[in-house]
Structure formats: C-alpha cells, structure tokens
Amino acid sequence: MVDGEFTDRNSGFSVVFDDDGRVAYAYLLDDHASLVADVWLYNRCETPVQPEWTSPENMPFANSLAFSKSHAGFSVVGDISDVSVRWTNGEIIEAQVLIRGELFARLVEGSKPGWCSMAKKDGPLAKVLMPEQ
C-alpha cells in the first residue's frame, strides 16, 4: 500500500495518490478538498475479465481486461517517492501524474475520468492518454 498527497501552492488544489494494494487511483481535490477529477492508474490484483463497476461493493474498481493494457517493464509504485505531479494553472487546473519521471496520467478539473497510459480504450475509470497530451 502506497499513499501520498501533492499540493499545488498556487491553486491550493491537491492530488491524492492511493494504491490500496489491490488497485491504484489518483484523485484531484480542489482548494476546499472536494473531489473534482479522478483516474484509475493500474491494477495490482488480477485484471478482471468482466467489469466490476456494476457492483458498488467492489469500489475502488479494478479496470477490466477490455479497458486496460499492460506496459512491458512497468512495475507498480513501491514508494511514494516514485510519484510526482506537474501542475498547469489556468482557468482550469490540470495535474500530470508522473511515475518514475514518466507521464502516466492527467487529471483535469471537472473531467471524470481522467487519462492514463494504462488505458487501452476510453471507459468509465480512465480514458486513453495520448503521447502528445
């Protein structure tokens, strides 16, 4: 289990990284600690064939095989020091989640879900992160 929080001093927004030992998610919170965006990052558990999101008791949901891909050589986060966040402040706040220095996910205020490099196709837990994003 790995958890951490990254706060942007300019906006007061924060990203919560939550790896509960089964799945990992990132959550974007506004300056009042309200959830404004989220994204699935990866499964630690076996990737389910059928989507879990029809059963609320399975929250947080693992992403299913049809919506997630594996990256050759990717290893799950072992320590919060593997994670960092880059901020873009404008009319809408954006947070880029980096794992070991590589862009891994994007959270944009008001976008649920966000984008992740482990998404195979757009779904309810994550959208596909394109290389130019």
C-alpha atoms as a PDB file:
ATOM      1  CA  MET A   1       0.000   0.000   0.000  1.00  0.00           C
ATOM      2  CA  VAL A   2       1.295   3.415  -1.028  1.00  0.00           C
ATOM      3  CA  ASP A   3      -0.440   6.720  -0.354  1.00  0.00           C
ATOM      4  CA  GLY A   4       0.595  10.317  -0.787  1.00  0.00           C
ATOM      5  CA  GLU A   5      -0.687  13.822  -1.368  1.00  0.00           C
ATOM      6  CA  PHE A   6       0.791  16.520  -3.593  1.00  0.00           C
ATOM      7  CA  THR A   7      -0.425  20.104  -3.151  1.00  0.00           C
ATOM      8  CA  ASP A   8      -0.073  22.995  -5.585  1.00  0.00           C
ATOM      9  CA  ARG A   9       0.809  26.128  -3.615  1.00  0.00           C
ATOM     10  CA  ASN A  10      -0.625  28.452  -6.276  1.00  0.00           C
ATOM     11  CA  SER A  11      -4.128  26.997  -6.522  1.00  0.00           C
ATOM     12  CA  GLY A  12      -4.498  25.084  -3.267  1.00  0.00           C
ATOM     13  CA  PHE A  13      -5.527  22.011  -5.301  1.00  0.00           C
ATOM     14  CA  SER A  14      -4.033  18.647  -4.444  1.00  0.00           C
ATOM     15  CA  VAL A  15      -3.585  15.212  -5.960  1.00  0.00           C
ATOM     16  CA  VAL A  16      -4.066  12.190  -3.750  1.00  0.00           C
ATOM     17  CA  PHE A  17      -2.257   9.056  -4.918  1.00  0.00           C
ATOM     18  CA  ASP A  18      -3.901   5.942  -3.473  1.00  0.00           C
ATOM     19  CA  ASP A  19      -2.588   2.432  -4.037  1.00  0.00           C
ATOM     20  CA  ASP A  20      -4.516   0.206  -1.626  1.00  0.00           C
ATOM     21  CA  GLY A  21      -2.662  -2.977  -2.557  1.00  0.00           C
ATOM     22  CA  ARG A  22      -5.425  -4.005  -4.999  1.00  0.00           C
ATOM     23  CA  VAL A  23      -5.736  -1.011  -7.367  1.00  0.00           C
ATOM     24  CA  ALA A  24      -4.239   2.467  -7.702  1.00  0.00           C
ATOM     25  CA  TYR A  25      -6.094   5.714  -8.360  1.00  0.00           C
ATOM     26  CA  ALA A  26      -5.293   9.416  -8.413  1.00  0.00           C
ATOM     27  CA  TYR A  27      -7.815  11.983  -7.199  1.00  0.00           C
ATOM     28  CA  LEU A  28      -7.797  15.729  -7.853  1.00  0.00           C
ATOM     29  CA  LEU A  29      -9.171  17.783  -4.968  1.00  0.00           C
ATOM     30  CA  ASP A  30      -9.962  21.490  -5.130  1.00  0.00           C
ATOM     31  CA  ASP A  31      -8.920  24.037  -2.511  1.00  0.00           C
ATOM     32  CA  HIS A  32     -11.938  23.008  -0.385  1.00  0.00           C
ATOM     33  CA  ALA A  33     -10.938  19.298  -0.528  1.00  0.00           C
ATOM     34  CA  SER A  34     -13.838  18.454  -2.871  1.00  0.00           C
ATOM     35  CA  LEU A  35     -13.226  15.764  -5.478  1.00  0.00           C
ATOM     36  CA  VAL A  36     -13.128  17.377  -8.936  1.00  0.00           C
ATOM     37  CA  ALA A  37     -11.436  14.631 -11.021  1.00  0.00           C
ATOM     38  CA  ASP A  38     -10.240  11.049 -10.701  1.00  0.00           C
ATOM     39  CA  VAL A  39      -8.486   8.390 -12.728  1.00  0.00           C
ATOM     40  CA  TRP A  40      -7.677   4.684 -12.408  1.00  0.00           C
ATOM     41  CA  LEU A  41      -3.935   4.132 -12.682  1.00  0.00           C
ATOM     42  CA  TYR A  42      -3.303   0.374 -12.550  1.00  0.00           C
ATOM     43  CA  ASN A  43      -4.431  -2.939 -11.111  1.00  0.00           C
ATOM     44  CA  ARG A  44      -2.305  -4.802  -8.615  1.00  0.00           C
ATOM     45  CA  CYS A  45      -4.878  -7.584  -8.466  1.00  0.00           C
ATOM     46  CA  GLU A  46      -5.578  -9.921 -11.336  1.00  0.00           C
ATOM     47  CA  THR A  47      -7.264  -7.943 -14.104  1.00  0.00           C
ATOM     48  CA  PRO A  48     -10.913  -8.977 -14.203  1.00  0.00           C
ATOM     49  CA  VAL A  49     -12.404 -10.195 -17.477  1.00  0.00           C
ATOM     50  CA  GLN A  50     -15.800  -8.674 -16.670  1.00  0.00           C
ATOM     51  CA  PRO A  51     -16.085  -5.050 -15.473  1.00  0.00           C
ATOM     52  CA  GLU A  52     -16.532  -4.632 -11.716  1.00  0.00           C
ATOM     53  CA  TRP A  53     -18.263  -1.242 -11.806  1.00  0.00           C
ATOM     54  CA  THR A  54     -21.749  -2.766 -11.711  1.00  0.00           C
ATOM     55  CA  SER A  55     -21.180  -3.799  -8.067  1.00  0.00           C
ATOM     56  CA  PRO A  56     -20.562  -0.868  -5.677  1.00  0.00           C
ATOM     57  CA  GLU A  57     -19.130  -3.218  -3.054  1.00  0.00           C
ATOM     58  CA  ASN A  58     -16.087  -3.678  -5.330  1.00  0.00           C
ATOM     59  CA  MET A  59     -15.049   0.000  -5.045  1.00  0.00           C
ATOM     60  CA  PRO A  60     -12.467   1.128  -5.844  1.00  0.00           C
ATOM     61  CA  PHE A  61     -12.845  -0.801  -9.061  1.00  0.00           C
ATOM     62  CA  ALA A  62     -10.156  -2.717 -10.894  1.00  0.00           C
ATOM     63  CA  ASN A  63     -10.192  -1.919 -14.588  1.00  0.00           C
ATOM     64  CA  SER A  64     -11.249  -4.836 -16.761  1.00  0.00           C
ATOM     65  CA  LEU A  65      -9.256  -6.553 -19.486  1.00  0.00           C
ATOM     66  CA  ALA A  66     -11.131  -4.808 -22.307  1.00  0.00           C
ATOM     67  CA  PHE A  67     -10.182  -1.350 -20.952  1.00  0.00           C
ATOM     68  CA  SER A  68      -6.668  -1.843 -19.586  1.00  0.00           C
ATOM     69  CA  LYS A  69      -3.321  -2.792 -21.019  1.00  0.00           C
ATOM     70  CA  SER A  70      -0.024  -3.782 -19.560  1.00  0.00           C
ATOM     71  CA  HIS A  71       3.198  -1.945 -20.256  1.00  0.00           C
ATOM     72  CA  ALA A  72       6.288  -4.013 -20.842  1.00  0.00           C
ATOM     73  CA  GLY A  73       8.641  -3.368 -17.994  1.00  0.00           C
ATOM     74  CA  PHE A  74       6.177  -1.385 -15.854  1.00  0.00           C
ATOM     75  CA  SER A  75       6.311  -2.111 -12.159  1.00  0.00           C
ATOM     76  CA  VAL A  76       3.802  -0.796  -9.658  1.00  0.00           C
ATOM     77  CA  VAL A  77       4.744   2.029  -7.322  1.00  0.00           C
ATOM     78  CA  GLY A  78       6.798   0.748  -4.425  1.00  0.00           C
ATOM     79  CA  ASP A  79       7.304   4.043  -2.606  1.00  0.00           C
ATOM     80  CA  ILE A  80       5.613   7.439  -2.842  1.00  0.00           C
ATOM     81  CA  SER A  81       8.969   8.887  -3.967  1.00  0.00           C
ATOM     82  CA  ASP A  82       8.281   7.125  -7.319  1.00  0.00           C
ATOM     83  CA  VAL A  83       5.392   9.585  -7.865  1.00  0.00           C
ATOM     84  CA  SER A  84       5.461  13.284  -8.687  1.00  0.00           C
ATOM     85  CA  VAL A  85       2.958  15.825 -10.009  1.00  0.00           C
ATOM     86  CA  ARG A  86       3.324  18.694 -12.511  1.00  0.00           C
ATOM     87  CA  TRP A  87       0.747  21.462 -12.332  1.00  0.00           C
ATOM     88  CA  THR A  88      -0.773  23.692 -15.018  1.00  0.00           C
ATOM     89  CA  ASN A  89      -2.660  26.655 -13.623  1.00  0.00           C
ATOM     90  CA  GLY A  90      -5.088  28.484 -15.843  1.00  0.00           C
ATOM     91  CA  GLU A  91      -8.830  28.848 -15.957  1.00  0.00           C
ATOM     92  CA  ILE A  92      -8.943  25.077 -15.398  1.00  0.00           C
ATOM     93  CA  ILE A  93      -6.422  23.273 -13.198  1.00  0.00           C
ATOM     94  CA  GLU A  94      -4.541  20.312 -14.662  1.00  0.00           C
ATOM     95  CA  ALA A  95      -2.298  17.883 -12.817  1.00  0.00           C
ATOM     96  CA  GLN A  96       0.022  15.489 -14.608  1.00  0.00           C
ATOM     97  CA  VAL A  97       0.919  12.421 -12.573  1.00  0.00           C
ATOM     98  CA  LEU A  98       4.399  11.092 -13.257  1.00  0.00           C
ATOM     99  CA  ILE A  99       5.683   7.710 -12.158  1.00  0.00           C
ATOM    100  CA  ARG A 100       9.469   7.471 -12.061  1.00  0.00           C
ATOM    101  CA  GLY A 101       9.632  10.694 -14.080  1.00  0.00           C
ATOM    102  CA  GLU A 102       7.395   9.482 -16.925  1.00  0.00           C
ATOM    103  CA  LEU A 103       3.994  10.990 -17.689  1.00  0.00           C
ATOM    104  CA  PHE A 104       1.498   8.385 -16.547  1.00  0.00           C
ATOM    105  CA  ALA A 105      -1.842  10.159 -16.093  1.00  0.00           C
ATOM    106  CA  ARG A 106      -3.646  13.503 -16.444  1.00  0.00           C
ATOM    107  CA  LEU A 107      -6.298  14.937 -14.185  1.00  0.00           C
ATOM    108  CA  VAL A 108      -8.241  17.976 -15.365  1.00  0.00           C
ATOM    109  CA  GLU A 109     -10.647  19.838 -13.133  1.00  0.00           C
ATOM    110  CA  GLY A 110     -14.185  18.676 -13.984  1.00  0.00           C
ATOM    111  CA  SER A 111     -13.116  15.651 -16.076  1.00  0.00           C
ATOM    112  CA  LYS A 112     -14.186  12.277 -14.719  1.00  0.00           C
ATOM    113  CA  PRO A 113     -12.460  10.092 -15.523  1.00  0.00           C
ATOM    114  CA  GLY A 114      -9.022  11.442 -16.348  1.00  0.00           C
ATOM    115  CA  TRP A 115      -6.485   9.983 -18.778  1.00  0.00           C
ATOM    116  CA  CYS A 116      -3.997   7.176 -18.113  1.00  0.00           C
ATOM    117  CA  SER A 117      -1.266   5.492 -20.126  1.00  0.00           C
ATOM    118  CA  MET A 118      -2.514   2.077 -18.938  1.00  0.00           C
ATOM    119  CA  ALA A 119      -5.966   2.590 -20.507  1.00  0.00           C
ATOM    120  CA  LYS A 120      -6.458   0.525 -23.665  1.00  0.00           C
ATOM    121  CA  LYS A 121      -9.671   2.318 -24.630  1.00  0.00           C
ATOM    122  CA  ASP A 122     -11.841   5.012 -23.081  1.00  0.00           C
ATOM    123  CA  GLY A 123     -14.029   3.710 -20.282  1.00  0.00           C
ATOM    124  CA  PRO A 124     -15.678   4.798 -17.043  1.00  0.00           C
ATOM    125  CA  LEU A 125     -12.457   4.521 -14.995  1.00  0.00           C
ATOM    126  CA  ALA A 126      -9.904   6.087 -17.375  1.00  0.00           C
ATOM    127  CA  LYS A 127      -9.509   7.492 -20.869  1.00  0.00           C
ATOM    128  CA  VAL A 128      -6.600   6.728 -23.153  1.00  0.00           C
ATOM    129  CA  LEU A 129      -3.633   9.041 -22.597  1.00  0.00           C
ATOM    130  CA  MET A 130      -2.205  10.025 -25.956  1.00  0.00           C
ATOM    131  CA  PRO A 131       1.563  10.627 -26.140  1.00  0.00           C
ATOM    132  CA  GLU A 132       1.150  14.301 -27.086  1.00  0.00           C
ATOM    133  CA  GLN A 133      -1.105  15.068 -24.098  1.00  0.00           C
END
